[in-house]
Each structure stands twice: as structure tokens, then as C-alpha cells.
Amino acid sequence: AVTNTSPTSGRYFIEYPEDIHLWGASFNTMLNGPGVALQGEISYRSNQPFQIDDVELLFAALTPLNAFTPSPGLRFHSQLGEFAPGAEIRGYERLQVSQIQTTATKVFGPNNWLGAEQLATVLEVGATNVWDLPKSAILRFQGDGTDTGGGFNESNGDLRNPVTQTGFPTRFSWGYRLAMRADYNNVWGTAFNLSPRVAFSHDVNGITPGPGGNFIENRKSGTLGVEANYLSKWAVDLSYSAFWGAGNLNLIRDRDFAAFTVKYSF
């Protein structure tokens, strides 16, 4: 909210929208032929709040200064419009959203292709559709890694920065997750059990609006790890996780890390 014409008078607050309506259904079954356990769920929210782009909010909060800036000049424009001092600018809109996800789990016995005592694989596919999401030229919702606003005005000569055209949420988005773990007991005739694992995630298409959006197109991550267990008492785990893809839209692309843990059970 802007209380007067000074840019330092702006205030912000955190709001937790209430009364979100949710309907959902789930299922699980066993496909006896291939031996695959199948689970899934679908949900629908009729009034889910989504965050409006932070730059649009910032520019909207500065629009009271336009009355004191002659045109042409550096004025502030926002897709949210202009506001008077003291006005409250809501940072979200409520939209209709559906989400569906299904998970397939397959456990292979000792005769698997990796020669492990047991090989477990999991594949999950999910999708999100925001039914009434407006086009980004009308109203932009929060997109990671985007900058500048979309409320420019070319007719009156106002100065503006180049406008980001991509990276904002889309109506439909989807991706998948894949994980696999193998168990090797009494390795080389010892009391050690080894369990290597791998996980991979890929956001295939579209960008989910936030907060907490599920998918950012072309974002990927992967983990390689192995656990060594001795007599079910000592366990040592080593893993490496990497994040890549989606360029500047992927805010954790530089967060690769390694992890090492030691556990003792008694």
C-alpha cells in the first residue's frame, strides 16, 4: 500500500488466502500381468490463489509518483493499472486449477537385468492445468527468473526497459519423475549390503504458476547415490545431486551438492 507520494512510504504485508475449495479423487490397483502397482489422483480447486508477478506489483506501487512526473518522462506502468496514495494492491488472483498425477511401481526379483537381489523402479507423471489463466500480455503471474513489467505505454514516449516475453506461467504444464534402486546382499561374501540408486526428474513442457509451481519447462535434476549397510547396524550413504536446464528460469541450477551420512542403529 502507498500512503503518500514518497517512494519510501510503501508498505508490504503477507496474506494467507482462506477458504480454498478442493475436490479430489484417488485410485490404486495392481496390474497382475506385468506386475505393476498403479496409483493416481486428480484434484480440482475452484479458487486457488496464484501470485501476481512481483515486478507488476512493484510498478503498481510506484504509480502514485506518475502525477508528479511530466510526460514524456520516466513513469511507471503496470498491468494492474494506476493507484492512488493509500490504496491496497492485492498480490494474487484466484483461478480454477486441476492437477493429475499417476505413479507406476515395479519390483523385479533376483533374475533382473542388473543381477541384484531386488530391483525397484518408480515412474511418476503429473500435469497441471489452470483453466482460466489469462494471457501474459493481459496479466503476468509470478515466473522465476523474469524481470521488468508488461504494463508499458509506447504512445506517450515513456521510457522503459526491454520487456521479458518468456518465462511466465502457462495454462498447461507437465513433467515426470523416475527413480530406481537395486539391492545387493552379502557383497563379495561379506556382511555388507549395497544399495545403489538413481533418480531423475524432467519438467517437459509449460510453466506452473506459483507459489510452489510444480513444473518449469526443460528444468532437470538427477541424483546418484549408494548406501552400504553392515549387519543392519552401521549404514554409510554417499550421494551427488545435480540441477540443470531451463537457463535463468531455473533458480537452483547452481545448487549441485554432495551428501555423506553415517548412521548407527542400536
Protein backbone atom coordinates (compact mmCIF):
# COMPACT_ATOMS: atom_id res chain seq x y z
CA ALA A 1 0.00 0.00 0.00
CA VAL A 2 1.23 3.53 -0.83
CA THR A 3 0.42 6.15 1.81
CA ASN A 4 1.72 9.28 0.07
CA THR A 5 3.75 10.40 -2.93
CA SER A 6 7.10 9.43 -1.40
CA PRO A 7 8.51 6.13 -2.74
CA THR A 8 9.68 5.34 0.81
CA SER A 9 6.09 5.32 2.11
CA GLY A 10 5.21 1.99 0.50
CA ARG A 11 4.41 -0.94 2.78
CA TYR A 12 4.02 -4.63 2.14
CA PHE A 13 2.34 -7.42 4.07
CA ILE A 14 1.96 -11.19 3.86
CA GLU A 15 -1.51 -12.54 3.23
CA TYR A 16 -2.71 -16.12 3.63
CA PRO A 17 -5.83 -16.54 1.45
CA GLU A 18 -8.57 -18.57 3.10
CA ASP A 19 -11.45 -20.82 2.04
CA ILE A 20 -9.76 -22.61 -0.85
CA HIS A 21 -12.23 -25.14 -2.28
CA LEU A 22 -10.75 -28.54 -3.16
CA TRP A 23 -12.28 -31.67 -4.68
CA GLY A 24 -10.26 -34.79 -5.39
CA ALA A 25 -10.28 -38.50 -6.09
CA SER A 26 -7.63 -41.20 -6.00
CA PHE A 27 -7.21 -44.81 -7.06
CA ASN A 28 -4.80 -47.71 -6.73
CA THR A 29 -4.73 -51.08 -8.42
CA MET A 30 -2.44 -53.96 -9.30
CA LEU A 31 -1.85 -54.94 -12.92
CA ASN A 32 -1.25 -58.64 -12.38
CA GLY A 33 0.05 -59.35 -15.89
CA PRO A 34 3.11 -57.08 -15.84
CA GLY A 35 3.19 -57.00 -12.04
CA VAL A 36 2.90 -53.22 -11.85
CA ALA A 37 1.29 -51.35 -8.97
CA LEU A 38 -0.59 -48.32 -10.30
CA GLN A 39 -1.73 -45.36 -8.22
CA GLY A 40 -3.06 -41.94 -9.11
CA GLU A 41 -5.08 -38.94 -8.08
CA ILE A 42 -6.88 -35.99 -9.61
CA SER A 43 -7.78 -32.74 -7.88
CA TYR A 44 -9.69 -29.58 -8.73
CA ARG A 45 -9.53 -26.23 -6.94
CA SER A 46 -12.15 -23.70 -7.94
CA ASN A 47 -10.49 -20.67 -6.32
CA GLN A 48 -6.77 -21.35 -5.97
CA PRO A 49 -4.76 -18.14 -5.28
CA PHE A 50 -1.79 -17.53 -7.58
CA GLN A 51 0.91 -14.92 -7.09
CA ILE A 52 0.94 -11.97 -9.50
CA ASP A 53 4.36 -11.12 -10.94
CA ASP A 54 6.38 -9.23 -8.34
CA VAL A 55 7.57 -6.60 -10.84
CA GLU A 56 3.97 -5.75 -11.76
CA LEU A 57 3.24 -5.25 -8.06
CA LEU A 58 6.31 -3.06 -7.60
CA PHE A 59 5.48 -0.87 -10.59
CA ALA A 60 1.85 -0.59 -9.46
CA ALA A 61 3.00 0.57 -6.02
CA LEU A 62 5.07 3.33 -7.66
CA THR A 63 2.30 4.63 -9.96
CA PRO A 64 1.24 7.41 -7.49
CA LEU A 65 4.52 9.12 -8.46
CA ASN A 66 3.35 9.49 -12.06
CA ALA A 67 1.27 12.54 -11.15
CA PHE A 68 4.49 14.39 -10.37
CA THR A 69 6.42 13.24 -13.44
CA PRO A 70 5.71 15.24 -16.62
CA SER A 71 5.24 13.27 -19.83
CA PRO A 72 7.32 12.28 -21.68
CA GLY A 73 9.42 11.03 -18.81
CA LEU A 74 10.33 8.01 -16.76
CA ARG A 75 6.91 6.96 -15.49
CA PHE A 76 5.71 3.70 -14.00
CA HIS A 77 3.21 1.45 -15.75
CA SER A 78 1.78 -1.83 -14.53
CA GLN A 79 -0.69 -4.32 -15.93
CA LEU A 80 -2.58 -3.81 -12.68
CA GLY A 81 -3.23 -0.16 -13.56
CA GLU A 82 -2.56 3.04 -11.61
CA PHE A 83 -3.27 3.53 -7.92
CA ALA A 84 -3.78 6.49 -5.61
CA PRO A 85 -1.79 7.02 -2.41
CA GLY A 86 -3.13 4.80 0.36
CA ALA A 87 -4.55 2.17 -1.99
CA GLU A 88 -4.09 -1.52 -1.25
CA ILE A 89 -2.80 -3.63 -4.13
CA ARG A 90 -3.73 -7.30 -3.87
CA GLY A 91 -0.86 -9.56 -4.89
CA TYR A 92 -2.84 -12.57 -6.10
CA GLU A 93 -5.78 -13.71 -8.21
CA ARG A 94 -7.97 -16.75 -7.68
CA LEU A 95 -8.17 -19.16 -10.62
CA GLN A 96 -9.51 -22.63 -11.40
CA VAL A 97 -6.84 -25.33 -11.49
CA SER A 98 -6.77 -29.10 -11.98
CA GLN A 99 -3.91 -31.45 -11.28
CA ILE A 100 -3.47 -35.10 -12.17
CA GLN A 101 -0.67 -37.50 -11.37
CA THR A 102 -0.17 -41.23 -11.73
CA THR A 103 2.55 -43.48 -10.34
CA ALA A 104 3.67 -46.90 -11.56
CA THR A 105 5.81 -49.13 -9.33
CA LYS A 106 7.53 -52.32 -10.47
CA VAL A 107 9.69 -54.60 -8.31
CA PHE A 108 11.92 -57.11 -10.10
CA GLY A 109 13.12 -60.27 -8.37
CA PRO A 110 16.58 -61.91 -8.39
CA ASN A 111 16.53 -62.60 -12.14
CA ASN A 112 16.57 -58.90 -13.10
CA TRP A 113 18.91 -57.45 -15.72
CA LEU A 114 21.22 -55.89 -13.08
CA GLY A 115 21.75 -59.14 -11.21
CA ALA A 116 20.51 -57.66 -7.92
CA GLU A 117 18.53 -59.50 -5.28
CA GLN A 118 15.82 -56.90 -5.82
CA LEU A 119 15.34 -54.00 -8.24
CA ALA A 120 12.62 -51.42 -7.54
CA THR A 121 11.57 -48.84 -10.15
CA VAL A 122 9.10 -45.96 -9.84
CA LEU A 123 7.75 -43.72 -12.60
CA GLU A 124 5.51 -40.75 -11.85
CA VAL A 125 3.86 -38.50 -14.44
CA GLY A 126 1.99 -35.34 -13.47
CA ALA A 127 0.24 -32.42 -15.15
CA THR A 128 -1.33 -29.12 -14.09
CA ASN A 129 -3.94 -27.12 -15.99
CA VAL A 130 -5.06 -23.61 -14.96
CA TRP A 131 -8.35 -23.29 -16.79
CA ASP A 132 -8.83 -19.52 -16.72
CA LEU A 133 -5.22 -18.28 -16.70
CA PRO A 134 -5.12 -15.00 -18.69
CA LYS A 135 -2.52 -14.41 -21.38
CA SER A 136 0.69 -12.84 -20.11
CA ALA A 137 0.03 -9.78 -22.28
CA ILE A 138 -3.03 -9.13 -20.08
CA LEU A 139 -1.77 -10.16 -16.64
CA ARG A 140 1.51 -11.78 -15.74
CA PHE A 141 1.77 -14.22 -12.87
CA GLN A 142 4.97 -14.96 -10.99
CA GLY A 143 7.66 -16.63 -13.08
CA ASP A 144 11.10 -17.43 -11.66
CA GLY A 145 13.97 -15.62 -13.35
CA THR A 146 11.85 -13.00 -15.16
CA ASP A 147 12.32 -9.24 -14.95
CA THR A 148 10.70 -5.90 -15.91
CA GLY A 149 6.98 -5.31 -16.25
CA GLY A 150 4.48 -5.74 -19.06
CA GLY A 151 2.50 -2.55 -18.47
CA PHE A 152 4.48 -0.29 -20.78
CA ASN A 153 2.96 2.50 -22.85
CA GLU A 154 4.58 3.36 -26.18
CA SER A 155 2.10 6.05 -27.19
CA ASN A 156 3.29 8.83 -24.89
CA GLY A 157 7.04 8.38 -25.19
CA ASP A 158 7.59 6.96 -21.71
CA LEU A 159 10.98 5.38 -21.22
CA ARG A 160 11.02 1.67 -20.44
CA ASN A 161 13.42 -1.24 -20.15
CA PRO A 162 13.30 -4.17 -22.59
CA VAL A 163 10.33 -6.33 -21.66
CA THR A 164 10.72 -10.01 -20.80
CA GLN A 165 8.45 -12.01 -23.11
CA THR A 166 9.09 -15.59 -21.96
CA GLY A 167 9.31 -17.46 -18.69
CA PHE A 168 5.86 -16.63 -17.38
CA PRO A 169 3.32 -19.28 -16.34
CA THR A 170 1.34 -21.16 -18.97
CA ARG A 171 -2.09 -22.74 -18.79
CA PHE A 172 -0.82 -26.33 -19.11
CA SER A 173 2.39 -27.87 -17.77
CA TRP A 174 3.62 -31.39 -17.17
CA GLY A 175 6.64 -33.50 -16.29
CA TYR A 176 7.79 -36.84 -14.96
CA ARG A 177 9.97 -38.34 -12.22
CA LEU A 178 11.90 -41.62 -12.39
CA ALA A 179 13.67 -43.48 -9.57
CA MET A 180 15.40 -46.85 -9.35
CA ARG A 181 17.12 -48.74 -6.52
CA ALA A 182 18.96 -52.07 -6.56
CA ASP A 183 19.78 -54.20 -3.51
CA TYR A 184 22.86 -56.45 -3.37
CA ASN A 185 23.16 -58.60 -0.25
CA ASN A 186 26.39 -60.04 1.21
CA VAL A 187 28.59 -58.39 -1.39
CA TRP A 188 31.69 -60.46 -2.21
CA GLY A 189 30.81 -62.87 0.57
CA THR A 190 30.96 -60.21 3.30
CA ALA A 191 28.36 -58.92 5.77
CA PHE A 192 27.89 -55.74 3.69
CA ASN A 193 24.72 -54.99 1.72
CA LEU A 194 24.98 -52.39 -1.05
CA SER A 195 22.03 -50.40 -2.43
CA PRO A 196 22.89 -48.10 -5.36
CA ARG A 197 20.14 -45.74 -6.55
CA VAL A 198 19.42 -43.19 -9.25
CA ALA A 199 16.69 -40.56 -9.59
CA PHE A 200 15.84 -38.23 -12.46
CA SER A 201 13.23 -35.51 -12.90
CA HIS A 202 12.27 -33.63 -16.06
CA ASP A 203 9.78 -30.79 -16.46
CA VAL A 204 8.84 -31.39 -20.09
CA ASN A 205 6.54 -28.57 -21.13
CA GLY A 206 4.94 -25.44 -19.70
CA ILE A 207 5.42 -23.42 -16.52
CA THR A 208 3.17 -23.80 -13.49
CA PRO A 209 2.19 -20.57 -11.72
CA GLY A 210 3.25 -20.19 -8.10
CA PRO A 211 3.74 -20.19 -5.30
CA GLY A 212 5.14 -23.68 -5.32
CA GLY A 213 4.69 -24.35 -9.03
CA ASN A 214 5.40 -27.95 -9.98
CA PHE A 215 6.99 -27.50 -13.41
CA ILE A 216 9.39 -25.14 -15.22
CA GLU A 217 9.91 -26.18 -18.84
CA ASN A 218 13.21 -28.00 -19.52
CA ARG A 219 14.25 -27.99 -15.86
CA LYS A 220 16.00 -31.23 -14.91
CA SER A 221 17.64 -32.77 -11.87
CA GLY A 222 19.35 -36.04 -11.08
CA THR A 223 20.76 -37.91 -8.10
CA LEU A 224 23.26 -40.77 -7.92
CA GLY A 225 23.81 -42.46 -4.60
CA VAL A 226 24.80 -45.65 -2.84
CA GLU A 227 24.17 -46.96 0.67
CA ALA A 228 26.36 -49.55 2.39
CA ASN A 229 24.80 -51.42 5.30
CA TYR A 230 26.76 -53.58 7.76
CA LEU A 231 24.84 -56.13 9.86
CA SER A 232 21.80 -53.79 9.92
CA LYS A 233 23.66 -51.65 12.46
CA TRP A 234 26.02 -49.39 10.55
CA ALA A 235 24.95 -47.57 7.39
CA VAL A 236 27.01 -45.23 5.23
CA ASP A 237 25.35 -43.23 2.44
CA LEU A 238 27.03 -41.18 -0.29
CA SER A 239 25.16 -39.24 -2.97
CA TYR A 240 25.53 -36.45 -5.52
CA SER A 241 22.67 -34.29 -6.82
CA ALA A 242 22.79 -32.03 -9.89
CA PHE A 243 20.37 -29.44 -11.30
CA TRP A 244 20.38 -28.13 -14.86
CA GLY A 245 18.23 -26.94 -17.75
CA ALA A 246 15.75 -24.05 -18.21
CA GLY A 247 18.50 -21.40 -18.21
CA ASN A 248 17.90 -18.37 -15.99
CA LEU A 249 14.42 -19.62 -15.11
CA ASN A 250 15.99 -22.39 -13.03
CA LEU A 251 16.98 -20.66 -9.81
CA ILE A 252 18.71 -23.75 -8.39
CA ARG A 253 20.82 -24.60 -11.44
CA ASP A 254 23.97 -23.76 -9.43
CA ARG A 255 23.00 -25.74 -6.32
CA ASP A 256 24.67 -29.08 -7.10
CA PHE A 257 25.73 -30.80 -3.90
CA ALA A 258 27.19 -33.98 -2.43
CA ALA A 259 25.93 -35.61 0.76
CA PHE A 260 27.57 -38.08 3.11
CA THR A 261 25.91 -39.63 6.16
CA VAL A 262 26.81 -42.28 8.73
CA LYS A 263 24.13 -43.99 10.84
CA TYR A 264 24.30 -46.42 13.72
CA SER A 265 21.26 -48.36 14.97
CA PHE A 266 21.05 -49.99 18.37
